Amino acid sequence: MVPPDPHTTVSQVRFAIIFTPRTSRKRYPAGCVQIFESAEQAHAAADPEKKRYAARVVGPSKSSEGQYIYYLVEWLE
């Protein structure tokens, strides 16, 4: 994981919903991540039955393949 740059707001810790069939990965494409302003908003939008999980993520970062990705910090229970 690339650590957040303290001088910019490009790659920061954020609250999000991640759409994923499995929660064992550590990084997710930007197309699977929806950013929210707060943990409460992310929790409200979570729907495990539809594979939408609340999380804290760091990103976006550009991968070596040229995709924008987010790194999982933690799942929000």
C-alpha atoms as a PDB file:
ATOM      1  CA  MET A   1       0.000   0.000   0.000  1.00  0.00           C
ATOM      2  CA  VAL A   2       1.186   3.493  -0.814  1.00  0.00           C
ATOM      3  CA  PRO A   3       0.899   5.626   2.339  1.00  0.00           C
ATOM      4  CA  PRO A   4      -1.270   8.760   2.092  1.00  0.00           C
ATOM      5  CA  ASP A   5       0.571  11.938   1.120  1.00  0.00           C
ATOM      6  CA  PRO A   6       0.183  14.441   3.982  1.00  0.00           C
ATOM      7  CA  HIS A   7       0.456  17.375   1.538  1.00  0.00           C
ATOM      8  CA  THR A   8      -2.433  16.389  -0.765  1.00  0.00           C
ATOM      9  CA  THR A   9      -5.902  14.891  -0.510  1.00  0.00           C
ATOM     10  CA  VAL A  10      -5.492  12.466  -3.393  1.00  0.00           C
ATOM     11  CA  SER A  11      -5.004   9.246  -1.435  1.00  0.00           C
ATOM     12  CA  GLN A  12      -6.677   9.460   1.972  1.00  0.00           C
ATOM     13  CA  VAL A  13      -8.447   7.216   4.472  1.00  0.00           C
ATOM     14  CA  ARG A  14     -12.143   7.246   3.595  1.00  0.00           C
ATOM     15  CA  PHE A  15     -15.385   5.473   4.489  1.00  0.00           C
ATOM     16  CA  ALA A  16     -16.868   3.368   1.736  1.00  0.00           C
ATOM     17  CA  ILE A  17     -19.079   0.572   0.550  1.00  0.00           C
ATOM     18  CA  ILE A  18     -17.242  -2.175  -1.303  1.00  0.00           C
ATOM     19  CA  PHE A  19     -19.162  -4.402  -3.685  1.00  0.00           C
ATOM     20  CA  THR A  20     -17.397  -7.771  -3.602  1.00  0.00           C
ATOM     21  CA  PRO A  21     -18.332 -11.444  -3.630  1.00  0.00           C
ATOM     22  CA  ARG A  22     -15.604 -12.226  -1.070  1.00  0.00           C
ATOM     23  CA  THR A  23     -14.057 -10.149   1.687  1.00  0.00           C
ATOM     24  CA  SER A  24     -10.626 -11.780   1.732  1.00  0.00           C
ATOM     25  CA  ARG A  25      -8.928  -9.358  -0.666  1.00  0.00           C
ATOM     26  CA  LYS A  26      -6.830  -6.376   0.423  1.00  0.00           C
ATOM     27  CA  ARG A  27      -7.314  -4.144  -2.636  1.00  0.00           C
ATOM     28  CA  TYR A  28     -10.338  -3.342  -4.782  1.00  0.00           C
ATOM     29  CA  PRO A  29     -10.843  -1.605  -8.141  1.00  0.00           C
ATOM     30  CA  ALA A  30     -12.345   1.886  -7.934  1.00  0.00           C
ATOM     31  CA  GLY A  31     -15.429   0.662  -9.824  1.00  0.00           C
ATOM     32  CA  CYS A  32     -16.319  -1.552  -6.836  1.00  0.00           C
ATOM     33  CA  VAL A  33     -15.935   1.225  -4.249  1.00  0.00           C
ATOM     34  CA  GLN A  34     -18.470   3.914  -3.333  1.00  0.00           C
ATOM     35  CA  ILE A  35     -17.144   6.675  -1.042  1.00  0.00           C
ATOM     36  CA  PHE A  36     -19.184   8.166   1.825  1.00  0.00           C
ATOM     37  CA  GLU A  37     -18.614  11.122   4.153  1.00  0.00           C
ATOM     38  CA  SER A  38     -19.030   9.149   7.386  1.00  0.00           C
ATOM     39  CA  ALA A  39     -19.019   5.685   8.868  1.00  0.00           C
ATOM     40  CA  GLU A  40     -22.713   6.072   9.675  1.00  0.00           C
ATOM     41  CA  GLN A  41     -23.559   6.723   6.011  1.00  0.00           C
ATOM     42  CA  ALA A  42     -21.491   3.722   4.922  1.00  0.00           C
ATOM     43  CA  HIS A  43     -23.214   1.502   7.508  1.00  0.00           C
ATOM     44  CA  ALA A  44     -26.637   2.695   6.344  1.00  0.00           C
ATOM     45  CA  ALA A  45     -25.814   1.826   2.724  1.00  0.00           C
ATOM     46  CA  ALA A  46     -24.328  -1.593   3.528  1.00  0.00           C
ATOM     47  CA  ASP A  47     -26.262  -4.658   2.411  1.00  0.00           C
ATOM     48  CA  PRO A  48     -24.365  -7.936   2.934  1.00  0.00           C
ATOM     49  CA  GLU A  49     -27.103  -9.919   1.158  1.00  0.00           C
ATOM     50  CA  LYS A  50     -26.248  -7.908  -1.979  1.00  0.00           C
ATOM     51  CA  LYS A  51     -22.503  -8.195  -1.251  1.00  0.00           C
ATOM     52  CA  ARG A  52     -22.145  -4.502  -0.282  1.00  0.00           C
ATOM     53  CA  TYR A  53     -19.927  -4.138   2.798  1.00  0.00           C
ATOM     54  CA  ALA A  54     -18.992  -1.042   4.821  1.00  0.00           C
ATOM     55  CA  ALA A  55     -15.260  -0.416   5.157  1.00  0.00           C
ATOM     56  CA  ARG A  56     -12.474   2.085   5.712  1.00  0.00           C
ATOM     57  CA  VAL A  57     -10.228   2.324   2.663  1.00  0.00           C
ATOM     58  CA  VAL A  58      -7.163   4.237   1.489  1.00  0.00           C
ATOM     59  CA  GLY A  59      -7.114   5.587  -2.016  1.00  0.00           C
ATOM     60  CA  PRO A  60      -7.390   6.022  -4.806  1.00  0.00           C
ATOM     61  CA  SER A  61      -3.971   4.818  -5.927  1.00  0.00           C
ATOM     62  CA  LYS A  62      -2.909   3.879  -9.429  1.00  0.00           C
ATOM     63  CA  SER A  63      -1.847   0.245  -9.767  1.00  0.00           C
ATOM     64  CA  SER A  64       1.029  -0.980 -11.908  1.00  0.00           C
ATOM     65  CA  GLU A  65      -1.616  -2.163 -14.401  1.00  0.00           C
ATOM     66  CA  GLY A  66      -2.939   1.399 -14.737  1.00  0.00           C
ATOM     67  CA  GLN A  67      -6.166   0.875 -12.777  1.00  0.00           C
ATOM     68  CA  TYR A  68      -7.293   3.017  -9.872  1.00  0.00           C
ATOM     69  CA  ILE A  69      -7.600   0.940  -6.706  1.00  0.00           C
ATOM     70  CA  TYR A  70      -8.479   1.302  -3.040  1.00  0.00           C
ATOM     71  CA  TYR A  71      -6.723  -0.567  -0.241  1.00  0.00           C
ATOM     72  CA  LEU A  72      -8.781  -2.047   2.579  1.00  0.00           C
ATOM     73  CA  VAL A  73      -7.933  -0.646   6.026  1.00  0.00           C
ATOM     74  CA  GLU A  74     -10.699  -2.458   7.914  1.00  0.00           C
ATOM     75  CA  TRP A  75     -14.202  -3.789   7.548  1.00  0.00           C
ATOM     76  CA  LEU A  76     -16.749  -1.829   9.583  1.00  0.00           C
ATOM     77  CA  GLU A  77     -18.930  -4.153  11.654  1.00  0.00           C
END
